[in-house]
Amino acid sequence: MYLAAPCNQYSRPKIDIADGTAEIRIAVRPDFFHAARAVHGSVYFKTLDDATFFAASSLVDDRGKPVARGTGTFMTSTTRLTEDIGYL
């Protein structure tokens, strides 16, 4: 089901699911980079979102109750936003 989803045709992830865990691997390609030449946050978020869904689903057979909560840590980049990387 997961690998056949149209939204995964672009990223071509691999997935392993066990009781309470899910591991998703997406090979990094240059077309995942943003203008500062690093992997765009959407790739990280997609991987985290998908993994948490399948990890929780591996333990829960009903639905409607929160089973997990997540947080994120964000920091500024050391890359200056300049015209040479497309920033106007």
N, C-alpha and C. Protein backbone atom coordinates (compact mmCIF):
# COMPACT_ATOMS: atom_id res chain seq x y z
N MET A 1 0.82 -1.18 0.00
CA MET A 1 0.00 0.00 0.00
C MET A 1 0.87 1.26 0.00
N TYR A 2 1.81 1.34 0.91
CA TYR A 2 2.64 2.55 1.05
C TYR A 2 3.49 2.78 -0.20
N LEU A 3 4.17 1.74 -0.64
CA LEU A 3 5.07 1.89 -1.78
C LEU A 3 4.32 2.17 -3.08
N ALA A 4 3.07 1.73 -3.18
CA ALA A 4 2.27 1.94 -4.39
C ALA A 4 1.59 3.30 -4.44
N ALA A 5 1.62 4.04 -3.35
CA ALA A 5 0.94 5.34 -3.31
C ALA A 5 1.57 6.30 -4.32
N PRO A 6 0.74 7.02 -5.08
CA PRO A 6 1.27 7.95 -6.08
C PRO A 6 2.25 8.97 -5.50
N CYS A 7 2.03 9.44 -4.27
CA CYS A 7 2.93 10.44 -3.69
C CYS A 7 4.32 9.88 -3.42
N ASN A 8 4.47 8.58 -3.41
CA ASN A 8 5.78 7.98 -3.16
C ASN A 8 6.54 7.61 -4.43
N GLN A 9 5.94 7.83 -5.57
CA GLN A 9 6.63 7.51 -6.83
C GLN A 9 7.84 8.42 -7.03
N TYR A 10 7.75 9.65 -6.56
CA TYR A 10 8.85 10.60 -6.73
C TYR A 10 10.01 10.31 -5.78
N SER A 11 9.71 10.08 -4.51
CA SER A 11 10.78 9.90 -3.52
C SER A 11 11.30 8.46 -3.44
N ARG A 12 10.52 7.51 -3.91
CA ARG A 12 10.90 6.08 -3.94
C ARG A 12 11.45 5.58 -2.59
N PRO A 13 10.65 5.69 -1.54
CA PRO A 13 11.12 5.26 -0.21
C PRO A 13 11.17 3.74 -0.07
N LYS A 14 11.89 3.32 0.92
CA LYS A 14 11.91 1.92 1.38
C LYS A 14 11.34 1.95 2.79
N ILE A 15 10.62 0.89 3.20
CA ILE A 15 10.00 0.90 4.53
C ILE A 15 10.13 -0.47 5.18
N ASP A 16 10.38 -0.46 6.48
CA ASP A 16 10.36 -1.66 7.32
C ASP A 16 9.52 -1.32 8.55
N ILE A 17 8.56 -2.19 8.85
CA ILE A 17 7.65 -1.96 9.98
C ILE A 17 7.73 -3.15 10.93
N ALA A 18 7.81 -2.88 12.23
CA ALA A 18 7.77 -3.91 13.26
C ALA A 18 6.86 -3.39 14.36
N ASP A 19 6.70 -4.16 15.44
CA ASP A 19 5.83 -3.72 16.53
C ASP A 19 6.35 -2.43 17.15
N GLY A 20 5.62 -1.35 16.91
CA GLY A 20 5.95 -0.07 17.51
C GLY A 20 7.05 0.70 16.83
N THR A 21 7.55 0.22 15.73
CA THR A 21 8.62 0.94 15.01
C THR A 21 8.35 0.92 13.51
N ALA A 22 8.87 1.91 12.86
CA ALA A 22 8.86 1.95 11.40
C ALA A 22 10.11 2.70 10.97
N GLU A 23 10.79 2.15 10.00
CA GLU A 23 11.99 2.79 9.46
C GLU A 23 11.74 3.08 7.99
N ILE A 24 11.90 4.32 7.62
CA ILE A 24 11.73 4.72 6.22
C ILE A 24 13.05 5.30 5.74
N ARG A 25 13.47 4.86 4.59
CA ARG A 25 14.70 5.34 3.99
C ARG A 25 14.38 5.95 2.62
N ILE A 26 14.89 7.14 2.41
CA ILE A 26 14.77 7.81 1.12
C ILE A 26 16.18 8.22 0.70
N ALA A 27 16.61 7.73 -0.44
CA ALA A 27 17.94 8.09 -0.94
C ALA A 27 17.95 9.56 -1.33
N VAL A 28 18.93 10.28 -0.84
CA VAL A 28 19.06 11.70 -1.11
C VAL A 28 19.56 11.89 -2.54
N ARG A 29 18.84 12.76 -3.26
CA ARG A 29 19.23 13.10 -4.63
C ARG A 29 19.31 14.62 -4.74
N PRO A 30 20.11 15.13 -5.67
CA PRO A 30 20.23 16.58 -5.83
C PRO A 30 18.90 17.28 -6.07
N ASP A 31 17.93 16.60 -6.66
CA ASP A 31 16.64 17.27 -6.91
C ASP A 31 15.80 17.41 -5.64
N PHE A 32 16.29 16.94 -4.51
CA PHE A 32 15.65 17.16 -3.21
C PHE A 32 16.22 18.41 -2.52
N PHE A 33 17.25 19.02 -3.09
CA PHE A 33 17.93 20.15 -2.46
C PHE A 33 17.17 21.45 -2.70
N HIS A 34 17.27 22.36 -1.73
CA HIS A 34 16.77 23.72 -1.93
C HIS A 34 17.93 24.58 -2.45
N ALA A 35 17.68 25.85 -2.60
CA ALA A 35 18.67 26.74 -3.21
C ALA A 35 19.99 26.82 -2.44
N ALA A 36 19.95 26.53 -1.14
CA ALA A 36 21.18 26.58 -0.34
C ALA A 36 21.95 25.26 -0.40
N ARG A 37 21.54 24.39 -1.32
CA ARG A 37 22.24 23.12 -1.59
C ARG A 37 22.23 22.13 -0.43
N ALA A 38 21.09 22.06 0.25
CA ALA A 38 20.89 21.08 1.31
C ALA A 38 19.50 20.46 1.11
N VAL A 39 19.27 19.32 1.73
CA VAL A 39 17.99 18.64 1.58
C VAL A 39 16.86 19.51 2.14
N HIS A 40 15.82 19.67 1.36
CA HIS A 40 14.68 20.48 1.77
C HIS A 40 13.97 19.83 2.95
N GLY A 41 13.47 20.65 3.85
CA GLY A 41 12.78 20.15 5.04
C GLY A 41 11.58 19.28 4.74
N SER A 42 10.97 19.44 3.58
CA SER A 42 9.82 18.62 3.23
C SER A 42 10.18 17.14 3.16
N VAL A 43 11.41 16.83 2.80
CA VAL A 43 11.85 15.43 2.75
C VAL A 43 11.94 14.87 4.17
N TYR A 44 12.50 15.65 5.08
CA TYR A 44 12.57 15.22 6.48
C TYR A 44 11.17 15.05 7.07
N PHE A 45 10.31 16.03 6.81
CA PHE A 45 8.97 15.97 7.38
C PHE A 45 8.19 14.77 6.84
N LYS A 46 8.27 14.54 5.54
CA LYS A 46 7.56 13.41 4.95
C LYS A 46 8.01 12.10 5.59
N THR A 47 9.32 11.95 5.73
CA THR A 47 9.87 10.73 6.31
C THR A 47 9.39 10.55 7.75
N LEU A 48 9.45 11.61 8.54
CA LEU A 48 9.01 11.56 9.93
C LEU A 48 7.51 11.28 10.02
N ASP A 49 6.72 11.98 9.22
CA ASP A 49 5.27 11.80 9.24
C ASP A 49 4.88 10.37 8.87
N ASP A 50 5.47 9.85 7.81
CA ASP A 50 5.15 8.48 7.38
C ASP A 50 5.58 7.45 8.41
N ALA A 51 6.78 7.61 8.96
CA ALA A 51 7.28 6.64 9.94
C ALA A 51 6.43 6.63 11.20
N THR A 52 6.05 7.81 11.69
CA THR A 52 5.25 7.82 12.92
C THR A 52 3.87 7.21 12.68
N PHE A 53 3.28 7.45 11.51
CA PHE A 53 1.98 6.85 11.21
C PHE A 53 2.06 5.32 11.25
N PHE A 54 3.05 4.74 10.57
CA PHE A 54 3.13 3.28 10.51
C PHE A 54 3.59 2.67 11.84
N ALA A 55 4.44 3.36 12.59
CA ALA A 55 4.84 2.85 13.91
C ALA A 55 3.63 2.79 14.83
N ALA A 56 2.85 3.86 14.87
CA ALA A 56 1.64 3.86 15.71
C ALA A 56 0.63 2.84 15.23
N SER A 57 0.45 2.76 13.92
CA SER A 57 -0.53 1.81 13.36
C SER A 57 -0.15 0.36 13.60
N SER A 58 1.13 0.10 13.82
CA SER A 58 1.55 -1.28 14.08
C SER A 58 1.12 -1.74 15.47
N LEU A 59 0.72 -0.81 16.34
CA LEU A 59 0.32 -1.15 17.70
C LEU A 59 -1.17 -0.99 17.96
N VAL A 60 -1.85 -0.17 17.19
CA VAL A 60 -3.23 0.20 17.46
C VAL A 60 -4.15 -0.41 16.41
N ASP A 61 -5.18 -1.11 16.87
CA ASP A 61 -6.11 -1.69 15.89
C ASP A 61 -7.46 -0.97 15.88
N ASP A 62 -7.62 0.04 16.73
CA ASP A 62 -8.80 0.91 16.64
C ASP A 62 -8.30 2.30 16.26
N ARG A 63 -9.18 3.28 16.18
CA ARG A 63 -8.72 4.62 15.83
C ARG A 63 -9.56 5.66 16.57
N GLY A 64 -9.14 6.94 16.58
CA GLY A 64 -9.84 8.06 17.20
C GLY A 64 -9.19 8.58 18.45
N LYS A 65 -8.15 7.86 19.05
CA LYS A 65 -7.45 8.31 20.24
C LYS A 65 -6.03 8.72 19.84
N PRO A 66 -5.53 9.86 20.34
CA PRO A 66 -4.13 10.19 20.07
C PRO A 66 -3.22 9.13 20.67
N VAL A 67 -2.24 8.68 19.90
CA VAL A 67 -1.33 7.65 20.39
C VAL A 67 0.12 8.13 20.41
N ALA A 68 0.37 9.29 19.84
CA ALA A 68 1.73 9.80 19.82
C ALA A 68 1.71 11.31 19.69
N ARG A 69 2.80 11.92 20.05
CA ARG A 69 2.96 13.36 19.92
C ARG A 69 4.39 13.60 19.48
N GLY A 70 4.60 14.60 18.66
CA GLY A 70 5.94 14.87 18.17
C GLY A 70 6.33 16.32 18.38
N THR A 71 7.62 16.57 18.37
CA THR A 71 8.15 17.92 18.45
C THR A 71 9.27 18.05 17.42
N GLY A 72 9.65 19.25 17.13
CA GLY A 72 10.74 19.48 16.19
C GLY A 72 11.70 20.50 16.75
N THR A 73 12.92 20.42 16.33
CA THR A 73 13.93 21.40 16.68
C THR A 73 14.41 22.05 15.39
N PHE A 74 14.35 23.36 15.33
CA PHE A 74 14.71 24.08 14.13
C PHE A 74 15.80 25.08 14.45
N MET A 75 16.67 25.29 13.51
CA MET A 75 17.74 26.24 13.73
C MET A 75 18.00 27.03 12.46
N THR A 76 18.64 28.16 12.61
CA THR A 76 18.96 28.97 11.44
C THR A 76 20.10 28.32 10.67
N SER A 77 20.16 28.65 9.40
CA SER A 77 21.20 28.12 8.53
C SER A 77 22.42 29.02 8.57
N THR A 78 23.56 28.46 8.27
CA THR A 78 24.77 29.27 8.15
C THR A 78 24.92 29.80 6.72
N THR A 79 24.03 29.39 5.84
CA THR A 79 24.06 29.86 4.45
C THR A 79 23.39 31.23 4.36
N ARG A 80 24.11 32.19 3.84
CA ARG A 80 23.55 33.53 3.66
C ARG A 80 22.59 33.53 2.48
N LEU A 81 21.49 34.23 2.62
CA LEU A 81 20.49 34.34 1.56
C LEU A 81 20.93 35.44 0.60
N THR A 82 21.58 35.03 -0.48
CA THR A 82 22.14 35.98 -1.44
C THR A 82 21.63 35.64 -2.85
N GLU A 83 21.86 36.57 -3.76
CA GLU A 83 21.41 36.38 -5.14
C GLU A 83 22.06 35.18 -5.81
N ASP A 84 23.29 34.83 -5.44
CA ASP A 84 23.96 33.73 -6.13
C ASP A 84 23.30 32.37 -5.87
N ILE A 85 22.43 32.28 -4.88
CA ILE A 85 21.68 31.03 -4.67
C ILE A 85 20.22 31.22 -5.06
N GLY A 86 19.92 32.35 -5.69
CA GLY A 86 18.56 32.58 -6.18
C GLY A 86 17.68 33.38 -5.26
N TYR A 87 18.20 33.89 -4.16
CA TYR A 87 17.40 34.69 -3.23
C TYR A 87 17.36 36.12 -3.73
N LEU A 88 16.18 36.65 -3.86
CA LEU A 88 16.05 38.05 -4.35
C LEU A 88 15.54 38.95 -3.27
